[in-house]
Amino acid sequence: MTRPDLTDDAKIAAYRAELRSVGRNQRLAGFVLVVAGAIAVWAAGSAGAAGPAVQWAGYAGLALGWALMLTAIFLRTRYHRQRMREEG
C-alpha cells in the first residue's frame, strides 16, 4: 500500500473521502442498531407484559450497535496507519 499524496487540497479531500468509505457499512449498521435500541428501551414501558423482553432487546441492540461503531473506528485507524507507513 502506498502512502497517499497530500500535496494539495484536492488530493487531501480525495483521501478524506477514501477514509470515510472504510468501515462505512459497520458504522451505518451500528448507528441503526443504536437508534433502534434506544427506541426499544424507551418504548419498553408501554409494551405491557412484553416490556422486559423489549427492554433487554433494546439493550442488546445498543451494545451491538456501539460494538459495530467501535469496530468501524478500529478499521479506519488501521487502514490510515497502513497507508501512512513508509515503504522501503
PDB file of N, CA and C in Angstrom:
ATOM      1  N   MET A   1       0.850  -1.166   0.000  1.00  0.00           N
ATOM      2  CA  MET A   1       0.000   0.000   0.000  1.00  0.00           C
ATOM      3  C   MET A   1       0.899   1.233   0.000  1.00  0.00           C
ATOM      4  N   THR A   2       0.631   2.157  -0.881  1.00  0.00           N
ATOM      5  CA  THR A   2       1.475   3.336  -0.991  1.00  0.00           C
ATOM      6  C   THR A   2       0.938   4.471  -0.129  1.00  0.00           C
ATOM      7  N   ARG A   3       1.851   5.331   0.243  1.00  0.00           N
ATOM      8  CA  ARG A   3       1.495   6.496   1.043  1.00  0.00           C
ATOM      9  C   ARG A   3       0.687   7.461   0.177  1.00  0.00           C
ATOM     10  N   PRO A   4      -0.389   8.060   0.722  1.00  0.00           N
ATOM     11  CA  PRO A   4      -1.200   8.969  -0.095  1.00  0.00           C
ATOM     12  C   PRO A   4      -0.453  10.259  -0.404  1.00  0.00           C
ATOM     13  N   ASP A   5      -0.749  10.822  -1.563  1.00  0.00           N
ATOM     14  CA  ASP A   5      -0.155  12.101  -1.964  1.00  0.00           C
ATOM     15  C   ASP A   5      -1.027  13.217  -1.400  1.00  0.00           C
ATOM     16  N   LEU A   6      -0.496  13.957  -0.425  1.00  0.00           N
ATOM     17  CA  LEU A   6      -1.258  15.007   0.252  1.00  0.00           C
ATOM     18  C   LEU A   6      -0.664  16.381  -0.042  1.00  0.00           C
ATOM     19  N   THR A   7      -0.364  16.637  -1.316  1.00  0.00           N
ATOM     20  CA  THR A   7       0.320  17.878  -1.670  1.00  0.00           C
ATOM     21  C   THR A   7      -0.622  19.048  -1.895  1.00  0.00           C
ATOM     22  N   ASP A   8      -1.867  18.802  -2.256  1.00  0.00           N
ATOM     23  CA  ASP A   8      -2.788  19.926  -2.445  1.00  0.00           C
ATOM     24  C   ASP A   8      -4.161  19.586  -1.871  1.00  0.00           C
ATOM     25  N   ASP A   9      -5.037  20.575  -1.844  1.00  0.00           N
ATOM     26  CA  ASP A   9      -6.337  20.436  -1.195  1.00  0.00           C
ATOM     27  C   ASP A   9      -7.222  19.381  -1.854  1.00  0.00           C
ATOM     28  N   ALA A  10      -7.164  19.252  -3.155  1.00  0.00           N
ATOM     29  CA  ALA A  10      -7.996  18.269  -3.854  1.00  0.00           C
ATOM     30  C   ALA A  10      -7.584  16.840  -3.482  1.00  0.00           C
ATOM     31  N   LYS A  11      -6.282  16.604  -3.371  1.00  0.00           N
ATOM     32  CA  LYS A  11      -5.812  15.270  -3.008  1.00  0.00           C
ATOM     33  C   LYS A  11      -6.116  14.954  -1.547  1.00  0.00           C
ATOM     34  N   ILE A  12      -6.059  15.958  -0.703  1.00  0.00           N
ATOM     35  CA  ILE A  12      -6.424  15.768   0.704  1.00  0.00           C
ATOM     36  C   ILE A  12      -7.905  15.426   0.808  1.00  0.00           C
ATOM     37  N   ALA A  13      -8.742  16.127   0.066  1.00  0.00           N
ATOM     38  CA  ALA A  13     -10.182  15.850   0.073  1.00  0.00           C
ATOM     39  C   ALA A  13     -10.473  14.443  -0.447  1.00  0.00           C
ATOM     40  N   ALA A  14      -9.740  14.021  -1.471  1.00  0.00           N
ATOM     41  CA  ALA A  14      -9.936  12.676  -2.008  1.00  0.00           C
ATOM     42  C   ALA A  14      -9.535  11.613  -0.975  1.00  0.00           C
ATOM     43  N   TYR A  15      -8.459  11.858  -0.255  1.00  0.00           N
ATOM     44  CA  TYR A  15      -8.032  10.889   0.767  1.00  0.00           C
ATOM     45  C   TYR A  15      -9.031  10.849   1.916  1.00  0.00           C
ATOM     46  N   ARG A  16      -9.569  11.980   2.304  1.00  0.00           N
ATOM     47  CA  ARG A  16     -10.596  12.001   3.352  1.00  0.00           C
ATOM     48  C   ARG A  16     -11.832  11.221   2.922  1.00  0.00           C
ATOM     49  N   ALA A  17     -12.228  11.372   1.667  1.00  0.00           N
ATOM     50  CA  ALA A  17     -13.369  10.613   1.150  1.00  0.00           C
ATOM     51  C   ALA A  17     -13.061   9.114   1.165  1.00  0.00           C
ATOM     52  N   GLU A  18     -11.829   8.767   0.834  1.00  0.00           N
ATOM     53  CA  GLU A  18     -11.410   7.364   0.867  1.00  0.00           C
ATOM     54  C   GLU A  18     -11.481   6.814   2.285  1.00  0.00           C
ATOM     55  N   LEU A  19     -11.025   7.608   3.255  1.00  0.00           N
ATOM     56  CA  LEU A  19     -11.076   7.178   4.649  1.00  0.00           C
ATOM     57  C   LEU A  19     -12.519   7.024   5.138  1.00  0.00           C
ATOM     58  N   ARG A  20     -13.400   7.922   4.706  1.00  0.00           N
ATOM     59  CA  ARG A  20     -14.801   7.823   5.119  1.00  0.00           C
ATOM     60  C   ARG A  20     -15.454   6.550   4.613  1.00  0.00           C
ATOM     61  N   SER A  21     -14.976   6.010   3.507  1.00  0.00           N
ATOM     62  CA  SER A  21     -15.571   4.798   2.951  1.00  0.00           C
ATOM     63  C   SER A  21     -15.133   3.534   3.696  1.00  0.00           C
ATOM     64  N   VAL A  22     -14.046   3.616   4.455  1.00  0.00           N
ATOM     65  CA  VAL A  22     -13.560   2.448   5.191  1.00  0.00           C
ATOM     66  C   VAL A  22     -14.450   2.235   6.417  1.00  0.00           C
ATOM     67  N   GLY A  23     -15.023   1.055   6.532  1.00  0.00           N
ATOM     68  CA  GLY A  23     -15.885   0.739   7.671  1.00  0.00           C
ATOM     69  C   GLY A  23     -17.253   1.384   7.605  1.00  0.00           C
ATOM     70  N   ARG A  24     -17.650   1.857   6.439  1.00  0.00           N
ATOM     71  CA  ARG A  24     -18.917   2.567   6.320  1.00  0.00           C
ATOM     72  C   ARG A  24     -20.113   1.669   6.650  1.00  0.00           C
ATOM     73  N   ASN A  25     -20.117   0.444   6.154  1.00  0.00           N
ATOM     74  CA  ASN A  25     -21.241  -0.457   6.418  1.00  0.00           C
ATOM     75  C   ASN A  25     -21.382  -0.757   7.904  1.00  0.00           C
ATOM     76  N   GLN A  26     -20.264  -1.000   8.575  1.00  0.00           N
ATOM     77  CA  GLN A  26     -20.308  -1.261  10.007  1.00  0.00           C
ATOM     78  C   GLN A  26     -20.806  -0.029  10.769  1.00  0.00           C
ATOM     79  N   ARG A  27     -20.337   1.126  10.368  1.00  0.00           N
ATOM     80  CA  ARG A  27     -20.735   2.366  11.048  1.00  0.00           C
ATOM     81  C   ARG A  27     -22.226   2.631  10.873  1.00  0.00           C
ATOM     82  N   LEU A  28     -22.741   2.450   9.661  1.00  0.00           N
ATOM     83  CA  LEU A  28     -24.162   2.685   9.418  1.00  0.00           C
ATOM     84  C   LEU A  28     -25.032   1.655  10.129  1.00  0.00           C
ATOM     85  N   ALA A  29     -24.638   0.394  10.088  1.00  0.00           N
ATOM     86  CA  ALA A  29     -25.393  -0.643  10.794  1.00  0.00           C
ATOM     87  C   ALA A  29     -25.375  -0.390  12.296  1.00  0.00           C
ATOM     88  N   GLY A  30     -24.237   0.024  12.813  1.00  0.00           N
ATOM     89  CA  GLY A  30     -24.145   0.350  14.235  1.00  0.00           C
ATOM     90  C   GLY A  30     -25.042   1.510  14.607  1.00  0.00           C
ATOM     91  N   PHE A  31     -25.081   2.520  13.776  1.00  0.00           N
ATOM     92  CA  PHE A  31     -25.936   3.676  14.048  1.00  0.00           C
ATOM     93  C   PHE A  31     -27.405   3.258  14.062  1.00  0.00           C
ATOM     94  N   VAL A  32     -27.805   2.454  13.084  1.00  0.00           N
ATOM     95  CA  VAL A  32     -29.200   1.994  13.023  1.00  0.00           C
ATOM     96  C   VAL A  32     -29.541   1.176  14.263  1.00  0.00           C
ATOM     97  N   LEU A  33     -28.632   0.291  14.681  1.00  0.00           N
ATOM     98  CA  LEU A  33     -28.893  -0.520  15.871  1.00  0.00           C
ATOM     99  C   LEU A  33     -28.966   0.327  17.138  1.00  0.00           C
ATOM    100  N   VAL A  34     -28.124   1.343  17.254  1.00  0.00           N
ATOM    101  CA  VAL A  34     -28.166   2.213  18.426  1.00  0.00           C
ATOM    102  C   VAL A  34     -29.487   2.970  18.484  1.00  0.00           C
ATOM    103  N   VAL A  35     -29.922   3.497  17.368  1.00  0.00           N
ATOM    104  CA  VAL A  35     -31.194   4.231  17.341  1.00  0.00           C
ATOM    105  C   VAL A  35     -32.356   3.288  17.639  1.00  0.00           C
ATOM    106  N   ALA A  36     -32.367   2.111  17.006  1.00  0.00           N
ATOM    107  CA  ALA A  36     -33.447   1.154  17.244  1.00  0.00           C
ATOM    108  C   ALA A  36     -33.440   0.666  18.692  1.00  0.00           C
ATOM    109  N   GLY A  37     -32.263   0.445  19.235  1.00  0.00           N
ATOM    110  CA  GLY A  37     -32.165   0.020  20.633  1.00  0.00           C
ATOM    111  C   GLY A  37     -32.658   1.086  21.585  1.00  0.00           C
ATOM    112  N   ALA A  38     -32.325   2.333  21.320  1.00  0.00           N
ATOM    113  CA  ALA A  38     -32.794   3.426  22.171  1.00  0.00           C
ATOM    114  C   ALA A  38     -34.319   3.545  22.108  1.00  0.00           C
ATOM    115  N   ILE A  39     -34.871   3.390  20.927  1.00  0.00           N
ATOM    116  CA  ILE A  39     -36.332   3.438  20.791  1.00  0.00           C
ATOM    117  C   ILE A  39     -36.971   2.269  21.531  1.00  0.00           C
ATOM    118  N   ALA A  40     -36.380   1.079  21.451  1.00  0.00           N
ATOM    119  CA  ALA A  40     -36.927  -0.083  22.143  1.00  0.00           C
ATOM    120  C   ALA A  40     -36.886   0.097  23.657  1.00  0.00           C
ATOM    121  N   VAL A  41     -35.785   0.630  24.178  1.00  0.00           N
ATOM    122  CA  VAL A  41     -35.685   0.863  25.615  1.00  0.00           C
ATOM    123  C   VAL A  41     -36.712   1.904  26.042  1.00  0.00           C
ATOM    124  N   TRP A  42     -36.884   2.934  25.258  1.00  0.00           N
ATOM    125  CA  TRP A  42     -37.848   3.987  25.572  1.00  0.00           C
ATOM    126  C   TRP A  42     -39.279   3.452  25.523  1.00  0.00           C
ATOM    127  N   ALA A  43     -39.570   2.589  24.559  1.00  0.00           N
ATOM    128  CA  ALA A  43     -40.929   2.080  24.378  1.00  0.00           C
ATOM    129  C   ALA A  43     -41.239   0.894  25.282  1.00  0.00           C
ATOM    130  N   ALA A  44     -40.260   0.369  26.002  1.00  0.00           N
ATOM    131  CA  ALA A  44     -40.490  -0.822  26.826  1.00  0.00           C
ATOM    132  C   ALA A  44     -41.520  -0.568  27.920  1.00  0.00           C
ATOM    133  N   GLY A  45     -41.647   0.649  28.377  1.00  0.00           N
ATOM    134  CA  GLY A  45     -42.613   0.965  29.425  1.00  0.00           C
ATOM    135  C   GLY A  45     -44.050   0.804  28.977  1.00  0.00           C
ATOM    136  N   SER A  46     -44.311   0.970  27.715  1.00  0.00           N
ATOM    137  CA  SER A  46     -45.678   0.851  27.212  1.00  0.00           C
ATOM    138  C   SER A  46     -45.902  -0.445  26.437  1.00  0.00           C
ATOM    139  N   ALA A  47     -45.008  -1.417  26.613  1.00  0.00           N
ATOM    140  CA  ALA A  47     -45.128  -2.682  25.885  1.00  0.00           C
ATOM    141  C   ALA A  47     -45.900  -3.731  26.664  1.00  0.00           C
ATOM    142  N   GLY A  48     -46.394  -3.396  27.838  1.00  0.00           N
ATOM    143  CA  GLY A  48     -47.193  -4.336  28.625  1.00  0.00           C
ATOM    144  C   GLY A  48     -46.354  -5.482  29.153  1.00  0.00           C
ATOM    145  N   ALA A  49     -46.868  -6.696  28.983  1.00  0.00           N
ATOM    146  CA  ALA A  49     -46.192  -7.881  29.516  1.00  0.00           C
ATOM    147  C   ALA A  49     -44.882  -8.160  28.788  1.00  0.00           C
ATOM    148  N   ALA A  50     -44.755  -7.696  27.565  1.00  0.00           N
ATOM    149  CA  ALA A  50     -43.523  -7.912  26.797  1.00  0.00           C
ATOM    150  C   ALA A  50     -42.462  -6.863  27.109  1.00  0.00           C
ATOM    151  N   GLY A  51     -42.751  -5.971  28.040  1.00  0.00           N
ATOM    152  CA  GLY A  51     -41.834  -4.884  28.364  1.00  0.00           C
ATOM    153  C   GLY A  51     -40.421  -5.313  28.704  1.00  0.00           C
ATOM    154  N   PRO A  52     -40.242  -6.265  29.626  1.00  0.00           N
ATOM    155  CA  PRO A  52     -38.860  -6.683  29.945  1.00  0.00           C
ATOM    156  C   PRO A  52     -38.102  -7.258  28.747  1.00  0.00           C
ATOM    157  N   ALA A  53     -38.788  -8.037  27.914  1.00  0.00           N
ATOM    158  CA  ALA A  53     -38.118  -8.601  26.732  1.00  0.00           C
ATOM    159  C   ALA A  53     -37.736  -7.504  25.746  1.00  0.00           C
ATOM    160  N   VAL A  54     -38.629  -6.538  25.566  1.00  0.00           N
ATOM    161  CA  VAL A  54     -38.336  -5.420  24.660  1.00  0.00           C
ATOM    162  C   VAL A  54     -37.176  -4.595  25.205  1.00  0.00           C
ATOM    163  N   GLN A  55     -37.160  -4.402  26.519  1.00  0.00           N
ATOM    164  CA  GLN A  55     -36.074  -3.633  27.130  1.00  0.00           C
ATOM    165  C   GLN A  55     -34.734  -4.350  26.954  1.00  0.00           C
ATOM    166  N   TRP A  56     -34.698  -5.659  27.187  1.00  0.00           N
ATOM    167  CA  TRP A  56     -33.453  -6.405  27.000  1.00  0.00           C
ATOM    168  C   TRP A  56     -33.021  -6.412  25.542  1.00  0.00           C
ATOM    169  N   ALA A  57     -33.980  -6.517  24.640  1.00  0.00           N
ATOM    170  CA  ALA A  57     -33.641  -6.457  23.210  1.00  0.00           C
ATOM    171  C   ALA A  57     -33.068  -5.087  22.860  1.00  0.00           C
ATOM    172  N   GLY A  58     -33.625  -4.048  23.460  1.00  0.00           N
ATOM    173  CA  GLY A  58     -33.105  -2.702  23.238  1.00  0.00           C
ATOM    174  C   GLY A  58     -31.684  -2.552  23.747  1.00  0.00           C
ATOM    175  N   TYR A  59     -31.426  -3.076  24.943  1.00  0.00           N
ATOM    176  CA  TYR A  59     -30.061  -3.015  25.482  1.00  0.00           C
ATOM    177  C   TYR A  59     -29.087  -3.814  24.618  1.00  0.00           C
ATOM    178  N   ALA A  60     -29.539  -4.954  24.118  1.00  0.00           N
ATOM    179  CA  ALA A  60     -28.689  -5.760  23.230  1.00  0.00           C
ATOM    180  C   ALA A  60     -28.398  -4.997  21.938  1.00  0.00           C
ATOM    181  N   GLY A  61     -29.410  -4.326  21.395  1.00  0.00           N
ATOM    182  CA  GLY A  61     -29.202  -3.512  20.190  1.00  0.00           C
ATOM    183  C   GLY A  61     -28.222  -2.380  20.442  1.00  0.00           C
ATOM    184  N   LEU A  62     -28.355  -1.727  21.592  1.00  0.00           N
ATOM    185  CA  LEU A  62     -27.408  -0.655  21.934  1.00  0.00           C
ATOM    186  C   LEU A  62     -25.981  -1.192  22.023  1.00  0.00           C
ATOM    187  N   ALA A  63     -25.814  -2.313  22.711  1.00  0.00           N
ATOM    188  CA  ALA A  63     -24.466  -2.876  22.879  1.00  0.00           C
ATOM    189  C   ALA A  63     -23.869  -3.299  21.543  1.00  0.00           C
ATOM    190  N   LEU A  64     -24.652  -3.992  20.734  1.00  0.00           N
ATOM    191  CA  LEU A  64     -24.147  -4.442  19.438  1.00  0.00           C
ATOM    192  C   LEU A  64     -23.870  -3.260  18.513  1.00  0.00           C
ATOM    193  N   GLY A  65     -24.735  -2.260  18.555  1.00  0.00           N
ATOM    194  CA  GLY A  65     -24.531  -1.072  17.721  1.00  0.00           C
ATOM    195  C   GLY A  65     -23.249  -0.333  18.076  1.00  0.00           C
ATOM    196  N   TRP A  66     -23.011  -0.149  19.370  1.00  0.00           N
ATOM    197  CA  TRP A  66     -21.775   0.528  19.772  1.00  0.00           C
ATOM    198  C   TRP A  66     -20.555  -0.313  19.446  1.00  0.00           C
ATOM    199  N   ALA A  67     -20.678  -1.633  19.567  1.00  0.00           N
ATOM    200  CA  ALA A  67     -19.550  -2.503  19.193  1.00  0.00           C
ATOM    201  C   ALA A  67     -19.234  -2.366  17.708  1.00  0.00           C
ATOM    202  N   LEU A  68     -20.261  -2.294  16.875  1.00  0.00           N
ATOM    203  CA  LEU A  68     -20.035  -2.117  15.433  1.00  0.00           C
ATOM    204  C   LEU A  68     -19.401  -0.757  15.135  1.00  0.00           C
ATOM    205  N   MET A  69     -19.839   0.272  15.821  1.00  0.00           N
ATOM    206  CA  MET A  69     -19.263   1.596  15.583  1.00  0.00           C
ATOM    207  C   MET A  69     -17.801   1.638  16.015  1.00  0.00           C
ATOM    208  N   LEU A  70     -17.477   1.007  17.135  1.00  0.00           N
ATOM    209  CA  LEU A  70     -16.082   0.952  17.567  1.00  0.00           C
ATOM    210  C   LEU A  70     -15.238   0.113  16.604  1.00  0.00           C
ATOM    211  N   THR A  71     -15.825  -0.950  16.043  1.00  0.00           N
ATOM    212  CA  THR A  71     -15.127  -1.743  15.036  1.00  0.00           C
ATOM    213  C   THR A  71     -14.806  -0.901  13.813  1.00  0.00           C
ATOM    214  N   ALA A  72     -15.744  -0.076  13.386  1.00  0.00           N
ATOM    215  CA  ALA A  72     -15.512   0.795  12.232  1.00  0.00           C
ATOM    216  C   ALA A  72     -14.384   1.784  12.514  1.00  0.00           C
ATOM    217  N   ILE A  73     -14.340   2.320  13.718  1.00  0.00           N
ATOM    218  CA  ILE A  73     -13.265   3.244  14.087  1.00  0.00           C
ATOM    219  C   ILE A  73     -11.921   2.512  14.048  1.00  0.00           C
ATOM    220  N   PHE A  74     -11.889   1.291  14.576  1.00  0.00           N
ATOM    221  CA  PHE A  74     -10.660   0.496  14.553  1.00  0.00           C
ATOM    222  C   PHE A  74     -10.209   0.224  13.122  1.00  0.00           C
ATOM    223  N   LEU A  75     -11.141  -0.167  12.254  1.00  0.00           N
ATOM    224  CA  LEU A  75     -10.798  -0.460  10.858  1.00  0.00           C
ATOM    225  C   LEU A  75     -10.244   0.768  10.151  1.00  0.00           C
ATOM    226  N   ARG A  76     -10.866   1.916  10.382  1.00  0.00           N
ATOM    227  CA  ARG A  76     -10.399   3.139   9.723  1.00  0.00           C
ATOM    228  C   ARG A  76      -9.015   3.540  10.231  1.00  0.00           C
ATOM    229  N   THR A  77      -8.792   3.423  11.530  1.00  0.00           N
ATOM    230  CA  THR A  77      -7.482   3.765  12.091  1.00  0.00           C
ATOM    231  C   THR A  77      -6.396   2.842  11.561  1.00  0.00           C
ATOM    232  N   ARG A  78      -6.702   1.547  11.492  1.00  0.00           N
ATOM    233  CA  ARG A  78      -5.729   0.585  10.967  1.00  0.00           C
ATOM    234  C   ARG A  78      -5.414   0.871   9.498  1.00  0.00           C
ATOM    235  N   TYR A  79      -6.448   1.171   8.717  1.00  0.00           N
ATOM    236  CA  TYR A  79      -6.248   1.481   7.301  1.00  0.00           C
ATOM    237  C   TYR A  79      -5.377   2.730   7.151  1.00  0.00           C
ATOM    238  N   HIS A  80      -5.651   3.766   7.927  1.00  0.00           N
ATOM    239  CA  HIS A  80      -4.872   5.005   7.846  1.00  0.00           C
ATOM    240  C   HIS A  80      -3.413   4.747   8.220  1.00  0.00           C
ATOM    241  N   ARG A  81      -3.184   3.977   9.269  1.00  0.00           N
ATOM    242  CA  ARG A  81      -1.802   3.668   9.656  1.00  0.00           C
ATOM    243  C   ARG A  81      -1.066   2.914   8.560  1.00  0.00           C
ATOM    244  N   GLN A  82      -1.753   1.968   7.922  1.00  0.00           N
ATOM    245  CA  GLN A  82      -1.125   1.223   6.834  1.00  0.00           C
ATOM    246  C   GLN A  82      -0.795   2.140   5.664  1.00  0.00           C
ATOM    247  N   ARG A  83      -1.688   3.057   5.349  1.00  0.00           N
ATOM    248  CA  ARG A  83      -1.438   3.979   4.226  1.00  0.00           C
ATOM    249  C   ARG A  83      -0.302   4.947   4.520  1.00  0.00           C
ATOM    250  N   MET A  84      -0.186   5.383   5.767  1.00  0.00           N
ATOM    251  CA  MET A  84       0.827   6.378   6.120  1.00  0.00           C
ATOM    252  C   MET A  84       2.195   5.768   6.392  1.00  0.00           C
ATOM    253  N   ARG A  85       2.252   4.454   6.513  1.00  0.00           N
ATOM    254  CA  ARG A  85       3.527   3.780   6.775  1.00  0.00           C
ATOM    255  C   ARG A  85       4.450   3.966   5.572  1.00  0.00           C
ATOM    256  N   GLU A  86       5.674   4.300   5.852  1.00  0.00           N
ATOM    257  CA  GLU A  86       6.678   4.478   4.790  1.00  0.00           C
ATOM    258  C   GLU A  86       7.056   3.121   4.225  1.00  0.00           C
ATOM    259  N   GLU A  87       7.142   3.041   2.926  1.00  0.00           N
ATOM    260  CA  GLU A  87       7.644   1.831   2.285  1.00  0.00           C
ATOM    261  C   GLU A  87       9.143   1.962   2.088  1.00  0.00           C
ATOM    262  N   GLY A  88       9.795   0.835   2.192  1.00  0.00           N
ATOM    263  CA  GLY A  88      11.207   0.918   1.900  1.00  0.00           C
ATOM    264  C   GLY A  88      12.075  -0.009   2.607  1.00  0.00           C
TER     265      GLY A  88
END
